[in-house]
Each structure stands twice: as structure tokens, then as C-alpha cells.
Amino acid sequence: MESAYEHLRTESEGAGSTKGAITCEQLGRLRIPIPELSEQNVIVSFLDTETAKLDALTAAATRAIELLKERRSALIAAAVTGQIDVRGVAADPSFPAVAEPC
């Protein structure tokens, strides 16, 4: 049995990467397999579940970023107002270097 790709190659004219026009009639004769409705429903359910997981992860990451920004601002405010002593922190070799924010 000829695959859909092979069928289109046979129907089209030309050689190499250049193909002649494929007509609507030729496309109309092309058989395209479609899963049964029950299988389509399984696929939809799977994709809905996976999409919900991705949405939840995205929301959690967004919330974590917001919290980190709040904590950063609070830390800067505390350092500027003298609520915490940051003198000597930069000289402490055990303290990790901090990259500039993007």
C-alpha cells in the first residue's frame, strides 16, 4: 500500500525539491487517517491533564519569582535603614558573590 507521502510524490510533477501543483482534486482523494472518537477523547483528556500540570508549574514559578523580588526589596530596605548589619559581608570569603539583577 502506498503511503500518503508517496502518493503525493506520484501525483505531483517535477523532480528534486521542486514539485508541480497539487490540485484540490488530488488532495480530495488523499486518505488521511483520523483516530476513533473514543481515542480522540483519550488524547484530549491527556493533553488537558498535562496542560493543567504545566499551568500549575508556571503559576508556582511566577509566584516564587514574585516572593523572591519582595524578599530582595525587603533585604535592601533593611540594609539601607540599618535594621541589619551588612558591613564585612562582602569581605567574608564564605559568603557567595551576588550577581547584578537582570
PDB file of N, CA and C in Angstrom:
ATOM      1  N   MET A   1       0.840  -1.183   0.000  1.00  0.00           N
ATOM      2  CA  MET A   1       0.000   0.000   0.000  1.00  0.00           C
ATOM      3  C   MET A   1       0.884   1.246   0.000  1.00  0.00           C
ATOM      4  N   GLU A   2       0.516   2.195  -0.782  1.00  0.00           N
ATOM      5  CA  GLU A   2       1.292   3.410  -0.956  1.00  0.00           C
ATOM      6  C   GLU A   2       1.004   4.386   0.189  1.00  0.00           C
ATOM      7  N   SER A   3       2.070   4.963   0.766  1.00  0.00           N
ATOM      8  CA  SER A   3       1.869   5.938   1.839  1.00  0.00           C
ATOM      9  C   SER A   3       1.340   7.242   1.252  1.00  0.00           C
ATOM     10  N   ALA A   4       0.798   8.080   2.123  1.00  0.00           N
ATOM     11  CA  ALA A   4       0.265   9.367   1.671  1.00  0.00           C
ATOM     12  C   ALA A   4       1.367  10.198   1.023  1.00  0.00           C
ATOM     13  N   TYR A   5       2.549  10.159   1.607  1.00  0.00           N
ATOM     14  CA  TYR A   5       3.671  10.918   1.052  1.00  0.00           C
ATOM     15  C   TYR A   5       4.028  10.407  -0.344  1.00  0.00           C
ATOM     16  N   GLU A   6       4.125   9.087  -0.467  1.00  0.00           N
ATOM     17  CA  GLU A   6       4.458   8.511  -1.770  1.00  0.00           C
ATOM     18  C   GLU A   6       3.381   8.836  -2.793  1.00  0.00           C
ATOM     19  N   HIS A   7       2.140   8.823  -2.347  1.00  0.00           N
ATOM     20  CA  HIS A   7       1.028   9.145  -3.241  1.00  0.00           C
ATOM     21  C   HIS A   7       1.154  10.580  -3.754  1.00  0.00           C
ATOM     22  N   LEU A   8       1.434  11.514  -2.845  1.00  0.00           N
ATOM     23  CA  LEU A   8       1.581  12.907  -3.262  1.00  0.00           C
ATOM     24  C   LEU A   8       2.769  13.087  -4.196  1.00  0.00           C
ATOM     25  N   ARG A   9       3.839  12.367  -3.929  1.00  0.00           N
ATOM     26  CA  ARG A   9       5.002  12.450  -4.827  1.00  0.00           C
ATOM     27  C   ARG A   9       4.644  11.950  -6.210  1.00  0.00           C
ATOM     28  N   THR A  10       3.876  10.873  -6.271  1.00  0.00           N
ATOM     29  CA  THR A  10       3.469  10.318  -7.558  1.00  0.00           C
ATOM     30  C   THR A  10       2.547  11.282  -8.289  1.00  0.00           C
ATOM     31  N   GLU A  11       1.636  11.896  -7.549  1.00  0.00           N
ATOM     32  CA  GLU A  11       0.652  12.802  -8.143  1.00  0.00           C
ATOM     33  C   GLU A  11       1.276  14.109  -8.610  1.00  0.00           C
ATOM     34  N   SER A  12       2.313  14.564  -7.919  1.00  0.00           N
ATOM     35  CA  SER A  12       2.896  15.854  -8.277  1.00  0.00           C
ATOM     36  C   SER A  12       3.891  15.686  -9.411  1.00  0.00           C
ATOM     37  N   GLU A  13       4.145  16.769 -10.086  1.00  0.00           N
ATOM     38  CA  GLU A  13       5.095  16.745 -11.184  1.00  0.00           C
ATOM     39  C   GLU A  13       6.374  17.429 -10.734  1.00  0.00           C
ATOM     40  N   GLY A  14       7.431  17.225 -11.459  1.00  0.00           N
ATOM     41  CA  GLY A  14       8.685  17.875 -11.133  1.00  0.00           C
ATOM     42  C   GLY A  14       9.659  16.872 -10.564  1.00  0.00           C
ATOM     43  N   ALA A  15      10.831  17.364 -10.236  1.00  0.00           N
ATOM     44  CA  ALA A  15      11.863  16.482  -9.717  1.00  0.00           C
ATOM     45  C   ALA A  15      12.604  17.194  -8.598  1.00  0.00           C
ATOM     46  N   GLY A  16      13.259  16.420  -7.773  1.00  0.00           N
ATOM     47  CA  GLY A  16      14.030  17.004  -6.681  1.00  0.00           C
ATOM     48  C   GLY A  16      13.126  17.684  -5.676  1.00  0.00           C
ATOM     49  N   SER A  17      13.530  18.866  -5.238  1.00  0.00           N
ATOM     50  CA  SER A  17      12.734  19.576  -4.237  1.00  0.00           C
ATOM     51  C   SER A  17      11.641  20.422  -4.869  1.00  0.00           C
ATOM     52  N   THR A  18      11.620  20.492  -6.186  1.00  0.00           N
ATOM     53  CA  THR A  18      10.607  21.277  -6.876  1.00  0.00           C
ATOM     54  C   THR A  18       9.486  20.353  -7.319  1.00  0.00           C
ATOM     55  N   LYS A  19       8.282  20.669  -6.902  1.00  0.00           N
ATOM     56  CA  LYS A  19       7.131  19.859  -7.266  1.00  0.00           C
ATOM     57  C   LYS A  19       6.124  20.735  -7.982  1.00  0.00           C
ATOM     58  N   GLY A  20       5.415  20.122  -8.877  1.00  0.00           N
ATOM     59  CA  GLY A  20       4.349  20.839  -9.556  1.00  0.00           C
ATOM     60  C   GLY A  20       3.185  21.060  -8.607  1.00  0.00           C
ATOM     61  N   ALA A  21       2.169  21.686  -9.099  1.00  0.00           N
ATOM     62  CA  ALA A  21       0.999  21.983  -8.278  1.00  0.00           C
ATOM     63  C   ALA A  21       0.266  20.705  -7.901  1.00  0.00           C
ATOM     64  N   ILE A  22      -0.278  20.701  -6.717  1.00  0.00           N
ATOM     65  CA  ILE A  22      -1.155  19.618  -6.277  1.00  0.00           C
ATOM     66  C   ILE A  22      -2.559  20.203  -6.290  1.00  0.00           C
ATOM     67  N   THR A  23      -3.424  19.583  -7.013  1.00  0.00           N
ATOM     68  CA  THR A  23      -4.768  20.133  -7.187  1.00  0.00           C
ATOM     69  C   THR A  23      -5.675  19.772  -6.017  1.00  0.00           C
ATOM     70  N   CYS A  24      -6.783  20.487  -5.928  1.00  0.00           N
ATOM     71  CA  CYS A  24      -7.790  20.187  -4.905  1.00  0.00           C
ATOM     72  C   CYS A  24      -8.336  18.779  -5.102  1.00  0.00           C
ATOM     73  N   GLU A  25      -8.473  18.380  -6.346  1.00  0.00           N
ATOM     74  CA  GLU A  25      -8.973  17.032  -6.634  1.00  0.00           C
ATOM     75  C   GLU A  25      -8.012  15.982  -6.079  1.00  0.00           C
ATOM     76  N   GLN A  26      -6.714  16.206  -6.277  1.00  0.00           N
ATOM     77  CA  GLN A  26      -5.722  15.266  -5.762  1.00  0.00           C
ATOM     78  C   GLN A  26      -5.752  15.236  -4.233  1.00  0.00           C
ATOM     79  N   LEU A  27      -5.865  16.398  -3.623  1.00  0.00           N
ATOM     80  CA  LEU A  27      -5.948  16.441  -2.161  1.00  0.00           C
ATOM     81  C   LEU A  27      -7.220  15.771  -1.668  1.00  0.00           C
ATOM     82  N   GLY A  28      -8.295  15.935  -2.407  1.00  0.00           N
ATOM     83  CA  GLY A  28      -9.565  15.318  -2.033  1.00  0.00           C
ATOM     84  C   GLY A  28      -9.506  13.801  -2.051  1.00  0.00           C
ATOM     85  N   ARG A  29      -8.657  13.246  -2.884  1.00  0.00           N
ATOM     86  CA  ARG A  29      -8.516  11.789  -2.959  1.00  0.00           C
ATOM     87  C   ARG A  29      -7.547  11.245  -1.914  1.00  0.00           C
ATOM     88  N   LEU A  30      -6.824  12.133  -1.272  1.00  0.00           N
ATOM     89  CA  LEU A  30      -5.835  11.709  -0.282  1.00  0.00           C
ATOM     90  C   LEU A  30      -6.539  11.199   0.971  1.00  0.00           C
ATOM     91  N   ARG A  31      -6.179  10.007   1.385  1.00  0.00           N
ATOM     92  CA  ARG A  31      -6.784   9.408   2.580  1.00  0.00           C
ATOM     93  C   ARG A  31      -5.954   9.809   3.799  1.00  0.00           C
ATOM     94  N   ILE A  32      -6.626  10.418   4.757  1.00  0.00           N
ATOM     95  CA  ILE A  32      -5.962  10.858   5.987  1.00  0.00           C
ATOM     96  C   ILE A  32      -6.580  10.094   7.151  1.00  0.00           C
ATOM     97  N   PRO A  33      -5.769   9.324   7.866  1.00  0.00           N
ATOM     98  CA  PRO A  33      -6.323   8.556   8.988  1.00  0.00           C
ATOM     99  C   PRO A  33      -6.704   9.479  10.150  1.00  0.00           C
ATOM    100  N   ILE A  34      -7.875   9.247  10.701  1.00  0.00           N
ATOM    101  CA  ILE A  34      -8.365  10.006  11.850  1.00  0.00           C
ATOM    102  C   ILE A  34      -8.708   9.001  12.940  1.00  0.00           C
ATOM    103  N   PRO A  35      -8.194   9.218  14.153  1.00  0.00           N
ATOM    104  CA  PRO A  35      -8.497   8.272  15.233  1.00  0.00           C
ATOM    105  C   PRO A  35      -9.999   8.236  15.536  1.00  0.00           C
ATOM    106  N   GLU A  36     -10.437   7.110  16.073  1.00  0.00           N
ATOM    107  CA  GLU A  36     -11.829   6.985  16.510  1.00  0.00           C
ATOM    108  C   GLU A  36     -12.113   8.055  17.560  1.00  0.00           C
ATOM    109  N   LEU A  37     -13.375   8.414  17.704  1.00  0.00           N
ATOM    110  CA  LEU A  37     -13.771   9.453  18.647  1.00  0.00           C
ATOM    111  C   LEU A  37     -13.325   9.114  20.068  1.00  0.00           C
ATOM    112  N   SER A  38     -13.421   7.856  20.452  1.00  0.00           N
ATOM    113  CA  SER A  38     -13.000   7.466  21.808  1.00  0.00           C
ATOM    114  C   SER A  38     -11.506   7.727  22.009  1.00  0.00           C
ATOM    115  N   GLU A  39     -10.708   7.438  20.983  1.00  0.00           N
ATOM    116  CA  GLU A  39      -9.271   7.691  21.082  1.00  0.00           C
ATOM    117  C   GLU A  39      -8.990   9.193  21.088  1.00  0.00           C
ATOM    118  N   GLN A  40      -9.747   9.950  20.311  1.00  0.00           N
ATOM    119  CA  GLN A  40      -9.603  11.406  20.326  1.00  0.00           C
ATOM    120  C   GLN A  40      -9.886  11.951  21.723  1.00  0.00           C
ATOM    121  N   ASN A  41     -10.921  11.405  22.378  1.00  0.00           N
ATOM    122  CA  ASN A  41     -11.265  11.848  23.731  1.00  0.00           C
ATOM    123  C   ASN A  41     -10.154  11.522  24.724  1.00  0.00           C
ATOM    124  N   VAL A  42      -9.523  10.370  24.567  1.00  0.00           N
ATOM    125  CA  VAL A  42      -8.396   9.999  25.429  1.00  0.00           C
ATOM    126  C   VAL A  42      -7.245  10.979  25.220  1.00  0.00           C
ATOM    127  N   ILE A  43      -6.981  11.317  23.978  1.00  0.00           N
ATOM    128  CA  ILE A  43      -5.903  12.259  23.660  1.00  0.00           C
ATOM    129  C   ILE A  43      -6.205  13.629  24.264  1.00  0.00           C
ATOM    130  N   VAL A  44      -7.440  14.082  24.107  1.00  0.00           N
ATOM    131  CA  VAL A  44      -7.841  15.384  24.659  1.00  0.00           C
ATOM    132  C   VAL A  44      -7.697  15.388  26.175  1.00  0.00           C
ATOM    133  N   SER A  45      -8.133  14.315  26.811  1.00  0.00           N
ATOM    134  CA  SER A  45      -8.032  14.217  28.270  1.00  0.00           C
ATOM    135  C   SER A  45      -6.572  14.265  28.718  1.00  0.00           C
ATOM    136  N   PHE A  46      -5.727  13.524  28.028  1.00  0.00           N
ATOM    137  CA  PHE A  46      -4.300  13.519  28.354  1.00  0.00           C
ATOM    138  C   PHE A  46      -3.709  14.920  28.205  1.00  0.00           C
ATOM    139  N   LEU A  47      -4.008  15.573  27.085  1.00  0.00           N
ATOM    140  CA  LEU A  47      -3.463  16.911  26.849  1.00  0.00           C
ATOM    141  C   LEU A  47      -3.992  17.916  27.866  1.00  0.00           C
ATOM    142  N   ASP A  48      -5.261  17.794  28.243  1.00  0.00           N
ATOM    143  CA  ASP A  48      -5.819  18.680  29.270  1.00  0.00           C
ATOM    144  C   ASP A  48      -5.092  18.497  30.600  1.00  0.00           C
ATOM    145  N   THR A  49      -4.837  17.251  30.967  1.00  0.00           N
ATOM    146  CA  THR A  49      -4.140  16.959  32.225  1.00  0.00           C
ATOM    147  C   THR A  49      -2.722  17.517  32.207  1.00  0.00           C
ATOM    148  N   GLU A  50      -2.017  17.276  31.126  1.00  0.00           N
ATOM    149  CA  GLU A  50      -0.638  17.758  31.025  1.00  0.00           C
ATOM    150  C   GLU A  50      -0.582  19.282  30.975  1.00  0.00           C
ATOM    151  N   THR A  51      -1.530  19.894  30.284  1.00  0.00           N
ATOM    152  CA  THR A  51      -1.580  21.355  30.218  1.00  0.00           C
ATOM    153  C   THR A  51      -1.854  21.944  31.597  1.00  0.00           C
ATOM    154  N   ALA A  52      -2.735  21.304  32.356  1.00  0.00           N
ATOM    155  CA  ALA A  52      -3.026  21.768  33.716  1.00  0.00           C
ATOM    156  C   ALA A  52      -1.774  21.687  34.592  1.00  0.00           C
ATOM    157  N   LYS A  53      -0.995  20.624  34.425  1.00  0.00           N
ATOM    158  CA  LYS A  53       0.254  20.497  35.183  1.00  0.00           C
ATOM    159  C   LYS A  53       1.211  21.631  34.830  1.00  0.00           C
ATOM    160  N   LEU A  54       1.338  21.902  33.536  1.00  0.00           N
ATOM    161  CA  LEU A  54       2.229  22.985  33.098  1.00  0.00           C
ATOM    162  C   LEU A  54       1.739  24.335  33.610  1.00  0.00           C
ATOM    163  N   ASP A  55       0.430  24.545  33.584  1.00  0.00           N
ATOM    164  CA  ASP A  55      -0.131  25.797  34.106  1.00  0.00           C
ATOM    165  C   ASP A  55       0.178  25.955  35.590  1.00  0.00           C
ATOM    166  N   ALA A  56       0.056  24.861  36.344  1.00  0.00           N
ATOM    167  CA  ALA A  56       0.343  24.905  37.779  1.00  0.00           C
ATOM    168  C   ALA A  56       1.823  25.201  38.029  1.00  0.00           C
ATOM    169  N   LEU A  57       2.695  24.580  37.256  1.00  0.00           N
ATOM    170  CA  LEU A  57       4.132  24.838  37.405  1.00  0.00           C
ATOM    171  C   LEU A  57       4.474  26.282  37.051  1.00  0.00           C
ATOM    172  N   THR A  58       3.851  26.789  36.009  1.00  0.00           N
ATOM    173  CA  THR A  58       4.085  28.176  35.610  1.00  0.00           C
ATOM    174  C   THR A  58       3.624  29.131  36.704  1.00  0.00           C
ATOM    175  N   ALA A  59       2.453  28.865  37.269  1.00  0.00           N
ATOM    176  CA  ALA A  59       1.931  29.713  38.342  1.00  0.00           C
ATOM    177  C   ALA A  59       2.846  29.658  39.567  1.00  0.00           C
ATOM    178  N   ALA A  60       3.326  28.469  39.910  1.00  0.00           N
ATOM    179  CA  ALA A  60       4.220  28.330  41.063  1.00  0.00           C
ATOM    180  C   ALA A  60       5.537  29.071  40.825  1.00  0.00           C
ATOM    181  N   ALA A  61       6.075  28.964  39.629  1.00  0.00           N
ATOM    182  CA  ALA A  61       7.328  29.655  39.313  1.00  0.00           C
ATOM    183  C   ALA A  61       7.132  31.168  39.347  1.00  0.00           C
ATOM    184  N   THR A  62       6.014  31.630  38.813  1.00  0.00           N
ATOM    185  CA  THR A  62       5.714  33.065  38.821  1.00  0.00           C
ATOM    186  C   THR A  62       5.588  33.573  40.253  1.00  0.00           C
ATOM    187  N   ARG A  63       4.895  32.815  41.091  1.00  0.00           N
ATOM    188  CA  ARG A  63       4.732  33.207  42.498  1.00  0.00           C
ATOM    189  C   ARG A  63       6.081  33.214  43.214  1.00  0.00           C
ATOM    190  N   ALA A  64       6.920  32.222  42.940  1.00  0.00           N
ATOM    191  CA  ALA A  64       8.245  32.172  43.564  1.00  0.00           C
ATOM    192  C   ALA A  64       9.077  33.386  43.162  1.00  0.00           C
ATOM    193  N   ILE A  65       9.003  33.767  41.909  1.00  0.00           N
ATOM    194  CA  ILE A  65       9.740  34.948  41.440  1.00  0.00           C
ATOM    195  C   ILE A  65       9.235  36.198  42.150  1.00  0.00           C
ATOM    196  N   GLU A  66       7.913  36.318  42.289  1.00  0.00           N
ATOM    197  CA  GLU A  66       7.343  37.473  42.988  1.00  0.00           C
ATOM    198  C   GLU A  66       7.827  37.529  44.435  1.00  0.00           C
ATOM    199  N   LEU A  67       7.817  36.380  45.114  1.00  0.00           N
ATOM    200  CA  LEU A  67       8.268  36.334  46.506  1.00  0.00           C
ATOM    201  C   LEU A  67       9.753  36.676  46.626  1.00  0.00           C
ATOM    202  N   LEU A  68      10.558  36.171  45.703  1.00  0.00           N
ATOM    203  CA  LEU A  68      11.988  36.482  45.739  1.00  0.00           C
ATOM    204  C   LEU A  68      12.237  37.971  45.518  1.00  0.00           C
ATOM    205  N   LYS A  69      11.471  38.580  44.636  1.00  0.00           N
ATOM    206  CA  LYS A  69      11.608  40.023  44.415  1.00  0.00           C
ATOM    207  C   LYS A  69      11.214  40.799  45.674  1.00  0.00           C
ATOM    208  N   GLU A  70      10.135  40.355  46.332  1.00  0.00           N
ATOM    209  CA  GLU A  70       9.715  41.008  47.578  1.00  0.00           C
ATOM    210  C   GLU A  70      10.793  40.866  48.649  1.00  0.00           C
ATOM    211  N   ARG A  71      11.348  39.675  48.779  1.00  0.00           N
ATOM    212  CA  ARG A  71      12.391  39.444  49.788  1.00  0.00           C
ATOM    213  C   ARG A  71      13.639  40.261  49.483  1.00  0.00           C
ATOM    214  N   ARG A  72      13.970  40.363  48.217  1.00  0.00           N
ATOM    215  CA  ARG A  72      15.129  41.169  47.822  1.00  0.00           C
ATOM    216  C   ARG A  72      14.908  42.629  48.205  1.00  0.00           C
ATOM    217  N   SER A  73      13.718  43.141  47.896  1.00  0.00           N
ATOM    218  CA  SER A  73      13.405  44.533  48.238  1.00  0.00           C
ATOM    219  C   SER A  73      13.432  44.745  49.747  1.00  0.00           C
ATOM    220  N   ALA A  74      12.880  43.789  50.487  1.00  0.00           N
ATOM    221  CA  ALA A  74      12.868  43.900  51.946  1.00  0.00           C
ATOM    222  C   ALA A  74      14.290  43.867  52.503  1.00  0.00           C
ATOM    223  N   LEU A  75      15.132  43.021  51.940  1.00  0.00           N
ATOM    224  CA  LEU A  75      16.522  42.929  52.393  1.00  0.00           C
ATOM    225  C   LEU A  75      17.270  44.225  52.107  1.00  0.00           C
ATOM    226  N   ILE A  76      17.067  44.766  50.925  1.00  0.00           N
ATOM    227  CA  ILE A  76      17.720  46.035  50.581  1.00  0.00           C
ATOM    228  C   ILE A  76      17.234  47.141  51.513  1.00  0.00           C
ATOM    229  N   ALA A  77      15.925  47.194  51.750  1.00  0.00           N
ATOM    230  CA  ALA A  77      15.373  48.219  52.639  1.00  0.00           C
ATOM    231  C   ALA A  77      15.934  48.066  54.048  1.00  0.00           C
ATOM    232  N   ALA A  78      16.034  46.835  54.523  1.00  0.00           N
ATOM    233  CA  ALA A  78      16.566  46.599  55.865  1.00  0.00           C
ATOM    234  C   ALA A  78      18.035  47.000  55.950  1.00  0.00           C
ATOM    235  N   ALA A  79      18.788  46.730  54.904  1.00  0.00           N
ATOM    236  CA  ALA A  79      20.209  47.098  54.902  1.00  0.00           C
ATOM    237  C   ALA A  79      20.372  48.614  54.859  1.00  0.00           C
ATOM    238  N   VAL A  80      19.560  49.277  54.051  1.00  0.00           N
ATOM    239  CA  VAL A  80      19.665  50.735  53.904  1.00  0.00           C
ATOM    240  C   VAL A  80      19.241  51.451  55.184  1.00  0.00           C
ATOM    241  N   THR A  81      18.238  50.938  55.856  1.00  0.00           N
ATOM    242  CA  THR A  81      17.735  51.597  57.069  1.00  0.00           C
ATOM    243  C   THR A  81      18.503  51.184  58.317  1.00  0.00           C
ATOM    244  N   GLY A  82      19.474  50.292  58.165  1.00  0.00           N
ATOM    245  CA  GLY A  82      20.291  49.887  59.301  1.00  0.00           C
ATOM    246  C   GLY A  82      19.662  48.810  60.164  1.00  0.00           C
ATOM    247  N   GLN A  83      18.599  48.207  59.726  1.00  0.00           N
ATOM    248  CA  GLN A  83      17.959  47.143  60.507  1.00  0.00           C
ATOM    249  C   GLN A  83      18.809  45.877  60.535  1.00  0.00           C
ATOM    250  N   ILE A  84      19.656  45.717  59.526  1.00  0.00           N
ATOM    251  CA  ILE A  84      20.605  44.603  59.534  1.00  0.00           C
ATOM    252  C   ILE A  84      21.987  45.167  59.235  1.00  0.00           C
ATOM    253  N   ASP A  85      22.991  44.524  59.787  1.00  0.00           N
ATOM    254  CA  ASP A  85      24.365  44.979  59.599  1.00  0.00           C
ATOM    255  C   ASP A  85      24.995  44.165  58.477  1.00  0.00           C
ATOM    256  N   VAL A  86      25.314  44.836  57.393  1.00  0.00           N
ATOM    257  CA  VAL A  86      25.907  44.146  56.247  1.00  0.00           C
ATOM    258  C   VAL A  86      27.388  44.479  56.098  1.00  0.00           C
ATOM    259  N   ARG A  87      27.942  45.228  57.059  1.00  0.00           N
ATOM    260  CA  ARG A  87      29.369  45.550  56.980  1.00  0.00           C
ATOM    261  C   ARG A  87      30.181  44.273  57.083  1.00  0.00           C
ATOM    262  N   GLY A  88      31.135  44.142  56.231  1.00  0.00           N
ATOM    263  CA  GLY A  88      32.012  42.982  56.270  1.00  0.00           C
ATOM    264  C   GLY A  88      31.478  41.768  55.533  1.00  0.00           C
ATOM    265  N   VAL A  89      30.256  41.817  55.074  1.00  0.00           N
ATOM    266  CA  VAL A  89      29.700  40.659  54.364  1.00  0.00           C
ATOM    267  C   VAL A  89      30.466  40.407  53.078  1.00  0.00           C
ATOM    268  N   ALA A  90      30.770  41.470  52.344  1.00  0.00           N
ATOM    269  CA  ALA A  90      31.489  41.315  51.081  1.00  0.00           C
ATOM    270  C   ALA A  90      32.899  40.783  51.307  1.00  0.00           C
ATOM    271  N   ALA A  91      33.480  41.071  52.461  1.00  0.00           N
ATOM    272  CA  ALA A  91      34.839  40.603  52.746  1.00  0.00           C
ATOM    273  C   ALA A  91      34.862  39.160  53.231  1.00  0.00           C
ATOM    274  N   ASP A  92      33.726  38.618  53.598  1.00  0.00           N
ATOM    275  CA  ASP A  92      33.644  37.249  54.110  1.00  0.00           C
ATOM    276  C   ASP A  92      33.765  36.265  52.944  1.00  0.00           C
ATOM    277  N   PRO A  93      34.842  35.463  52.883  1.00  0.00           N
ATOM    278  CA  PRO A  93      35.033  34.544  51.750  1.00  0.00           C
ATOM    279  C   PRO A  93      33.994  33.424  51.698  1.00  0.00           C
ATOM    280  N   SER A  94      33.330  33.145  52.807  1.00  0.00           N
ATOM    281  CA  SER A  94      32.317  32.082  52.789  1.00  0.00           C
ATOM    282  C   SER A  94      30.986  32.574  52.228  1.00  0.00           C
ATOM    283  N   PHE A  95      30.861  33.891  52.065  1.00  0.00           N
ATOM    284  CA  PHE A  95      29.619  34.457  51.539  1.00  0.00           C
ATOM    285  C   PHE A  95      29.679  34.444  50.020  1.00  0.00           C
ATOM    286  N   PRO A  96      28.680  33.867  49.362  1.00  0.00           N
ATOM    287  CA  PRO A  96      28.731  33.777  47.893  1.00  0.00           C
ATOM    288  C   PRO A  96      28.606  35.146  47.235  1.00  0.00           C
ATOM    289  N   ALA A  97      29.262  35.277  46.106  1.00  0.00           N
ATOM    290  CA  ALA A  97      29.169  36.521  45.341  1.00  0.00           C
ATOM    291  C   ALA A  97      27.757  36.652  44.790  1.00  0.00           C
ATOM    292  N   VAL A  98      27.287  37.881  44.715  1.00  0.00           N
ATOM    293  CA  VAL A  98      25.938  38.137  44.229  1.00  0.00           C
ATOM    294  C   VAL A  98      26.033  38.797  42.864  1.00  0.00           C
ATOM    295  N   ALA A  99      25.336  38.232  41.915  1.00  0.00           N
ATOM    296  CA  ALA A  99      25.321  38.811  40.576  1.00  0.00           C
ATOM    297  C   ALA A  99      24.351  39.976  40.537  1.00  0.00           C
ATOM    298  N   GLU A 100      24.610  40.895  39.653  1.00  0.00           N
ATOM    299  CA  GLU A 100      23.702  42.024  39.476  1.00  0.00           C
ATOM    300  C   GLU A 100      22.389  41.515  38.887  1.00  0.00           C
ATOM    301  N   PRO A 101      21.276  42.108  39.295  1.00  0.00           N
ATOM    302  CA  PRO A 101      19.990  41.668  38.734  1.00  0.00           C
ATOM    303  C   PRO A 101      19.887  42.022  37.258  1.00  0.00           C
ATOM    304  N   CYS A 102      19.110  41.250  36.556  1.00  0.00           N
ATOM    305  CA  CYS A 102      18.915  41.484  35.116  1.00  0.00           C
ATOM    306  C   CYS A 102      18.038  42.690  34.890  1.00  0.00           C
TER     307      CYS A 102
END
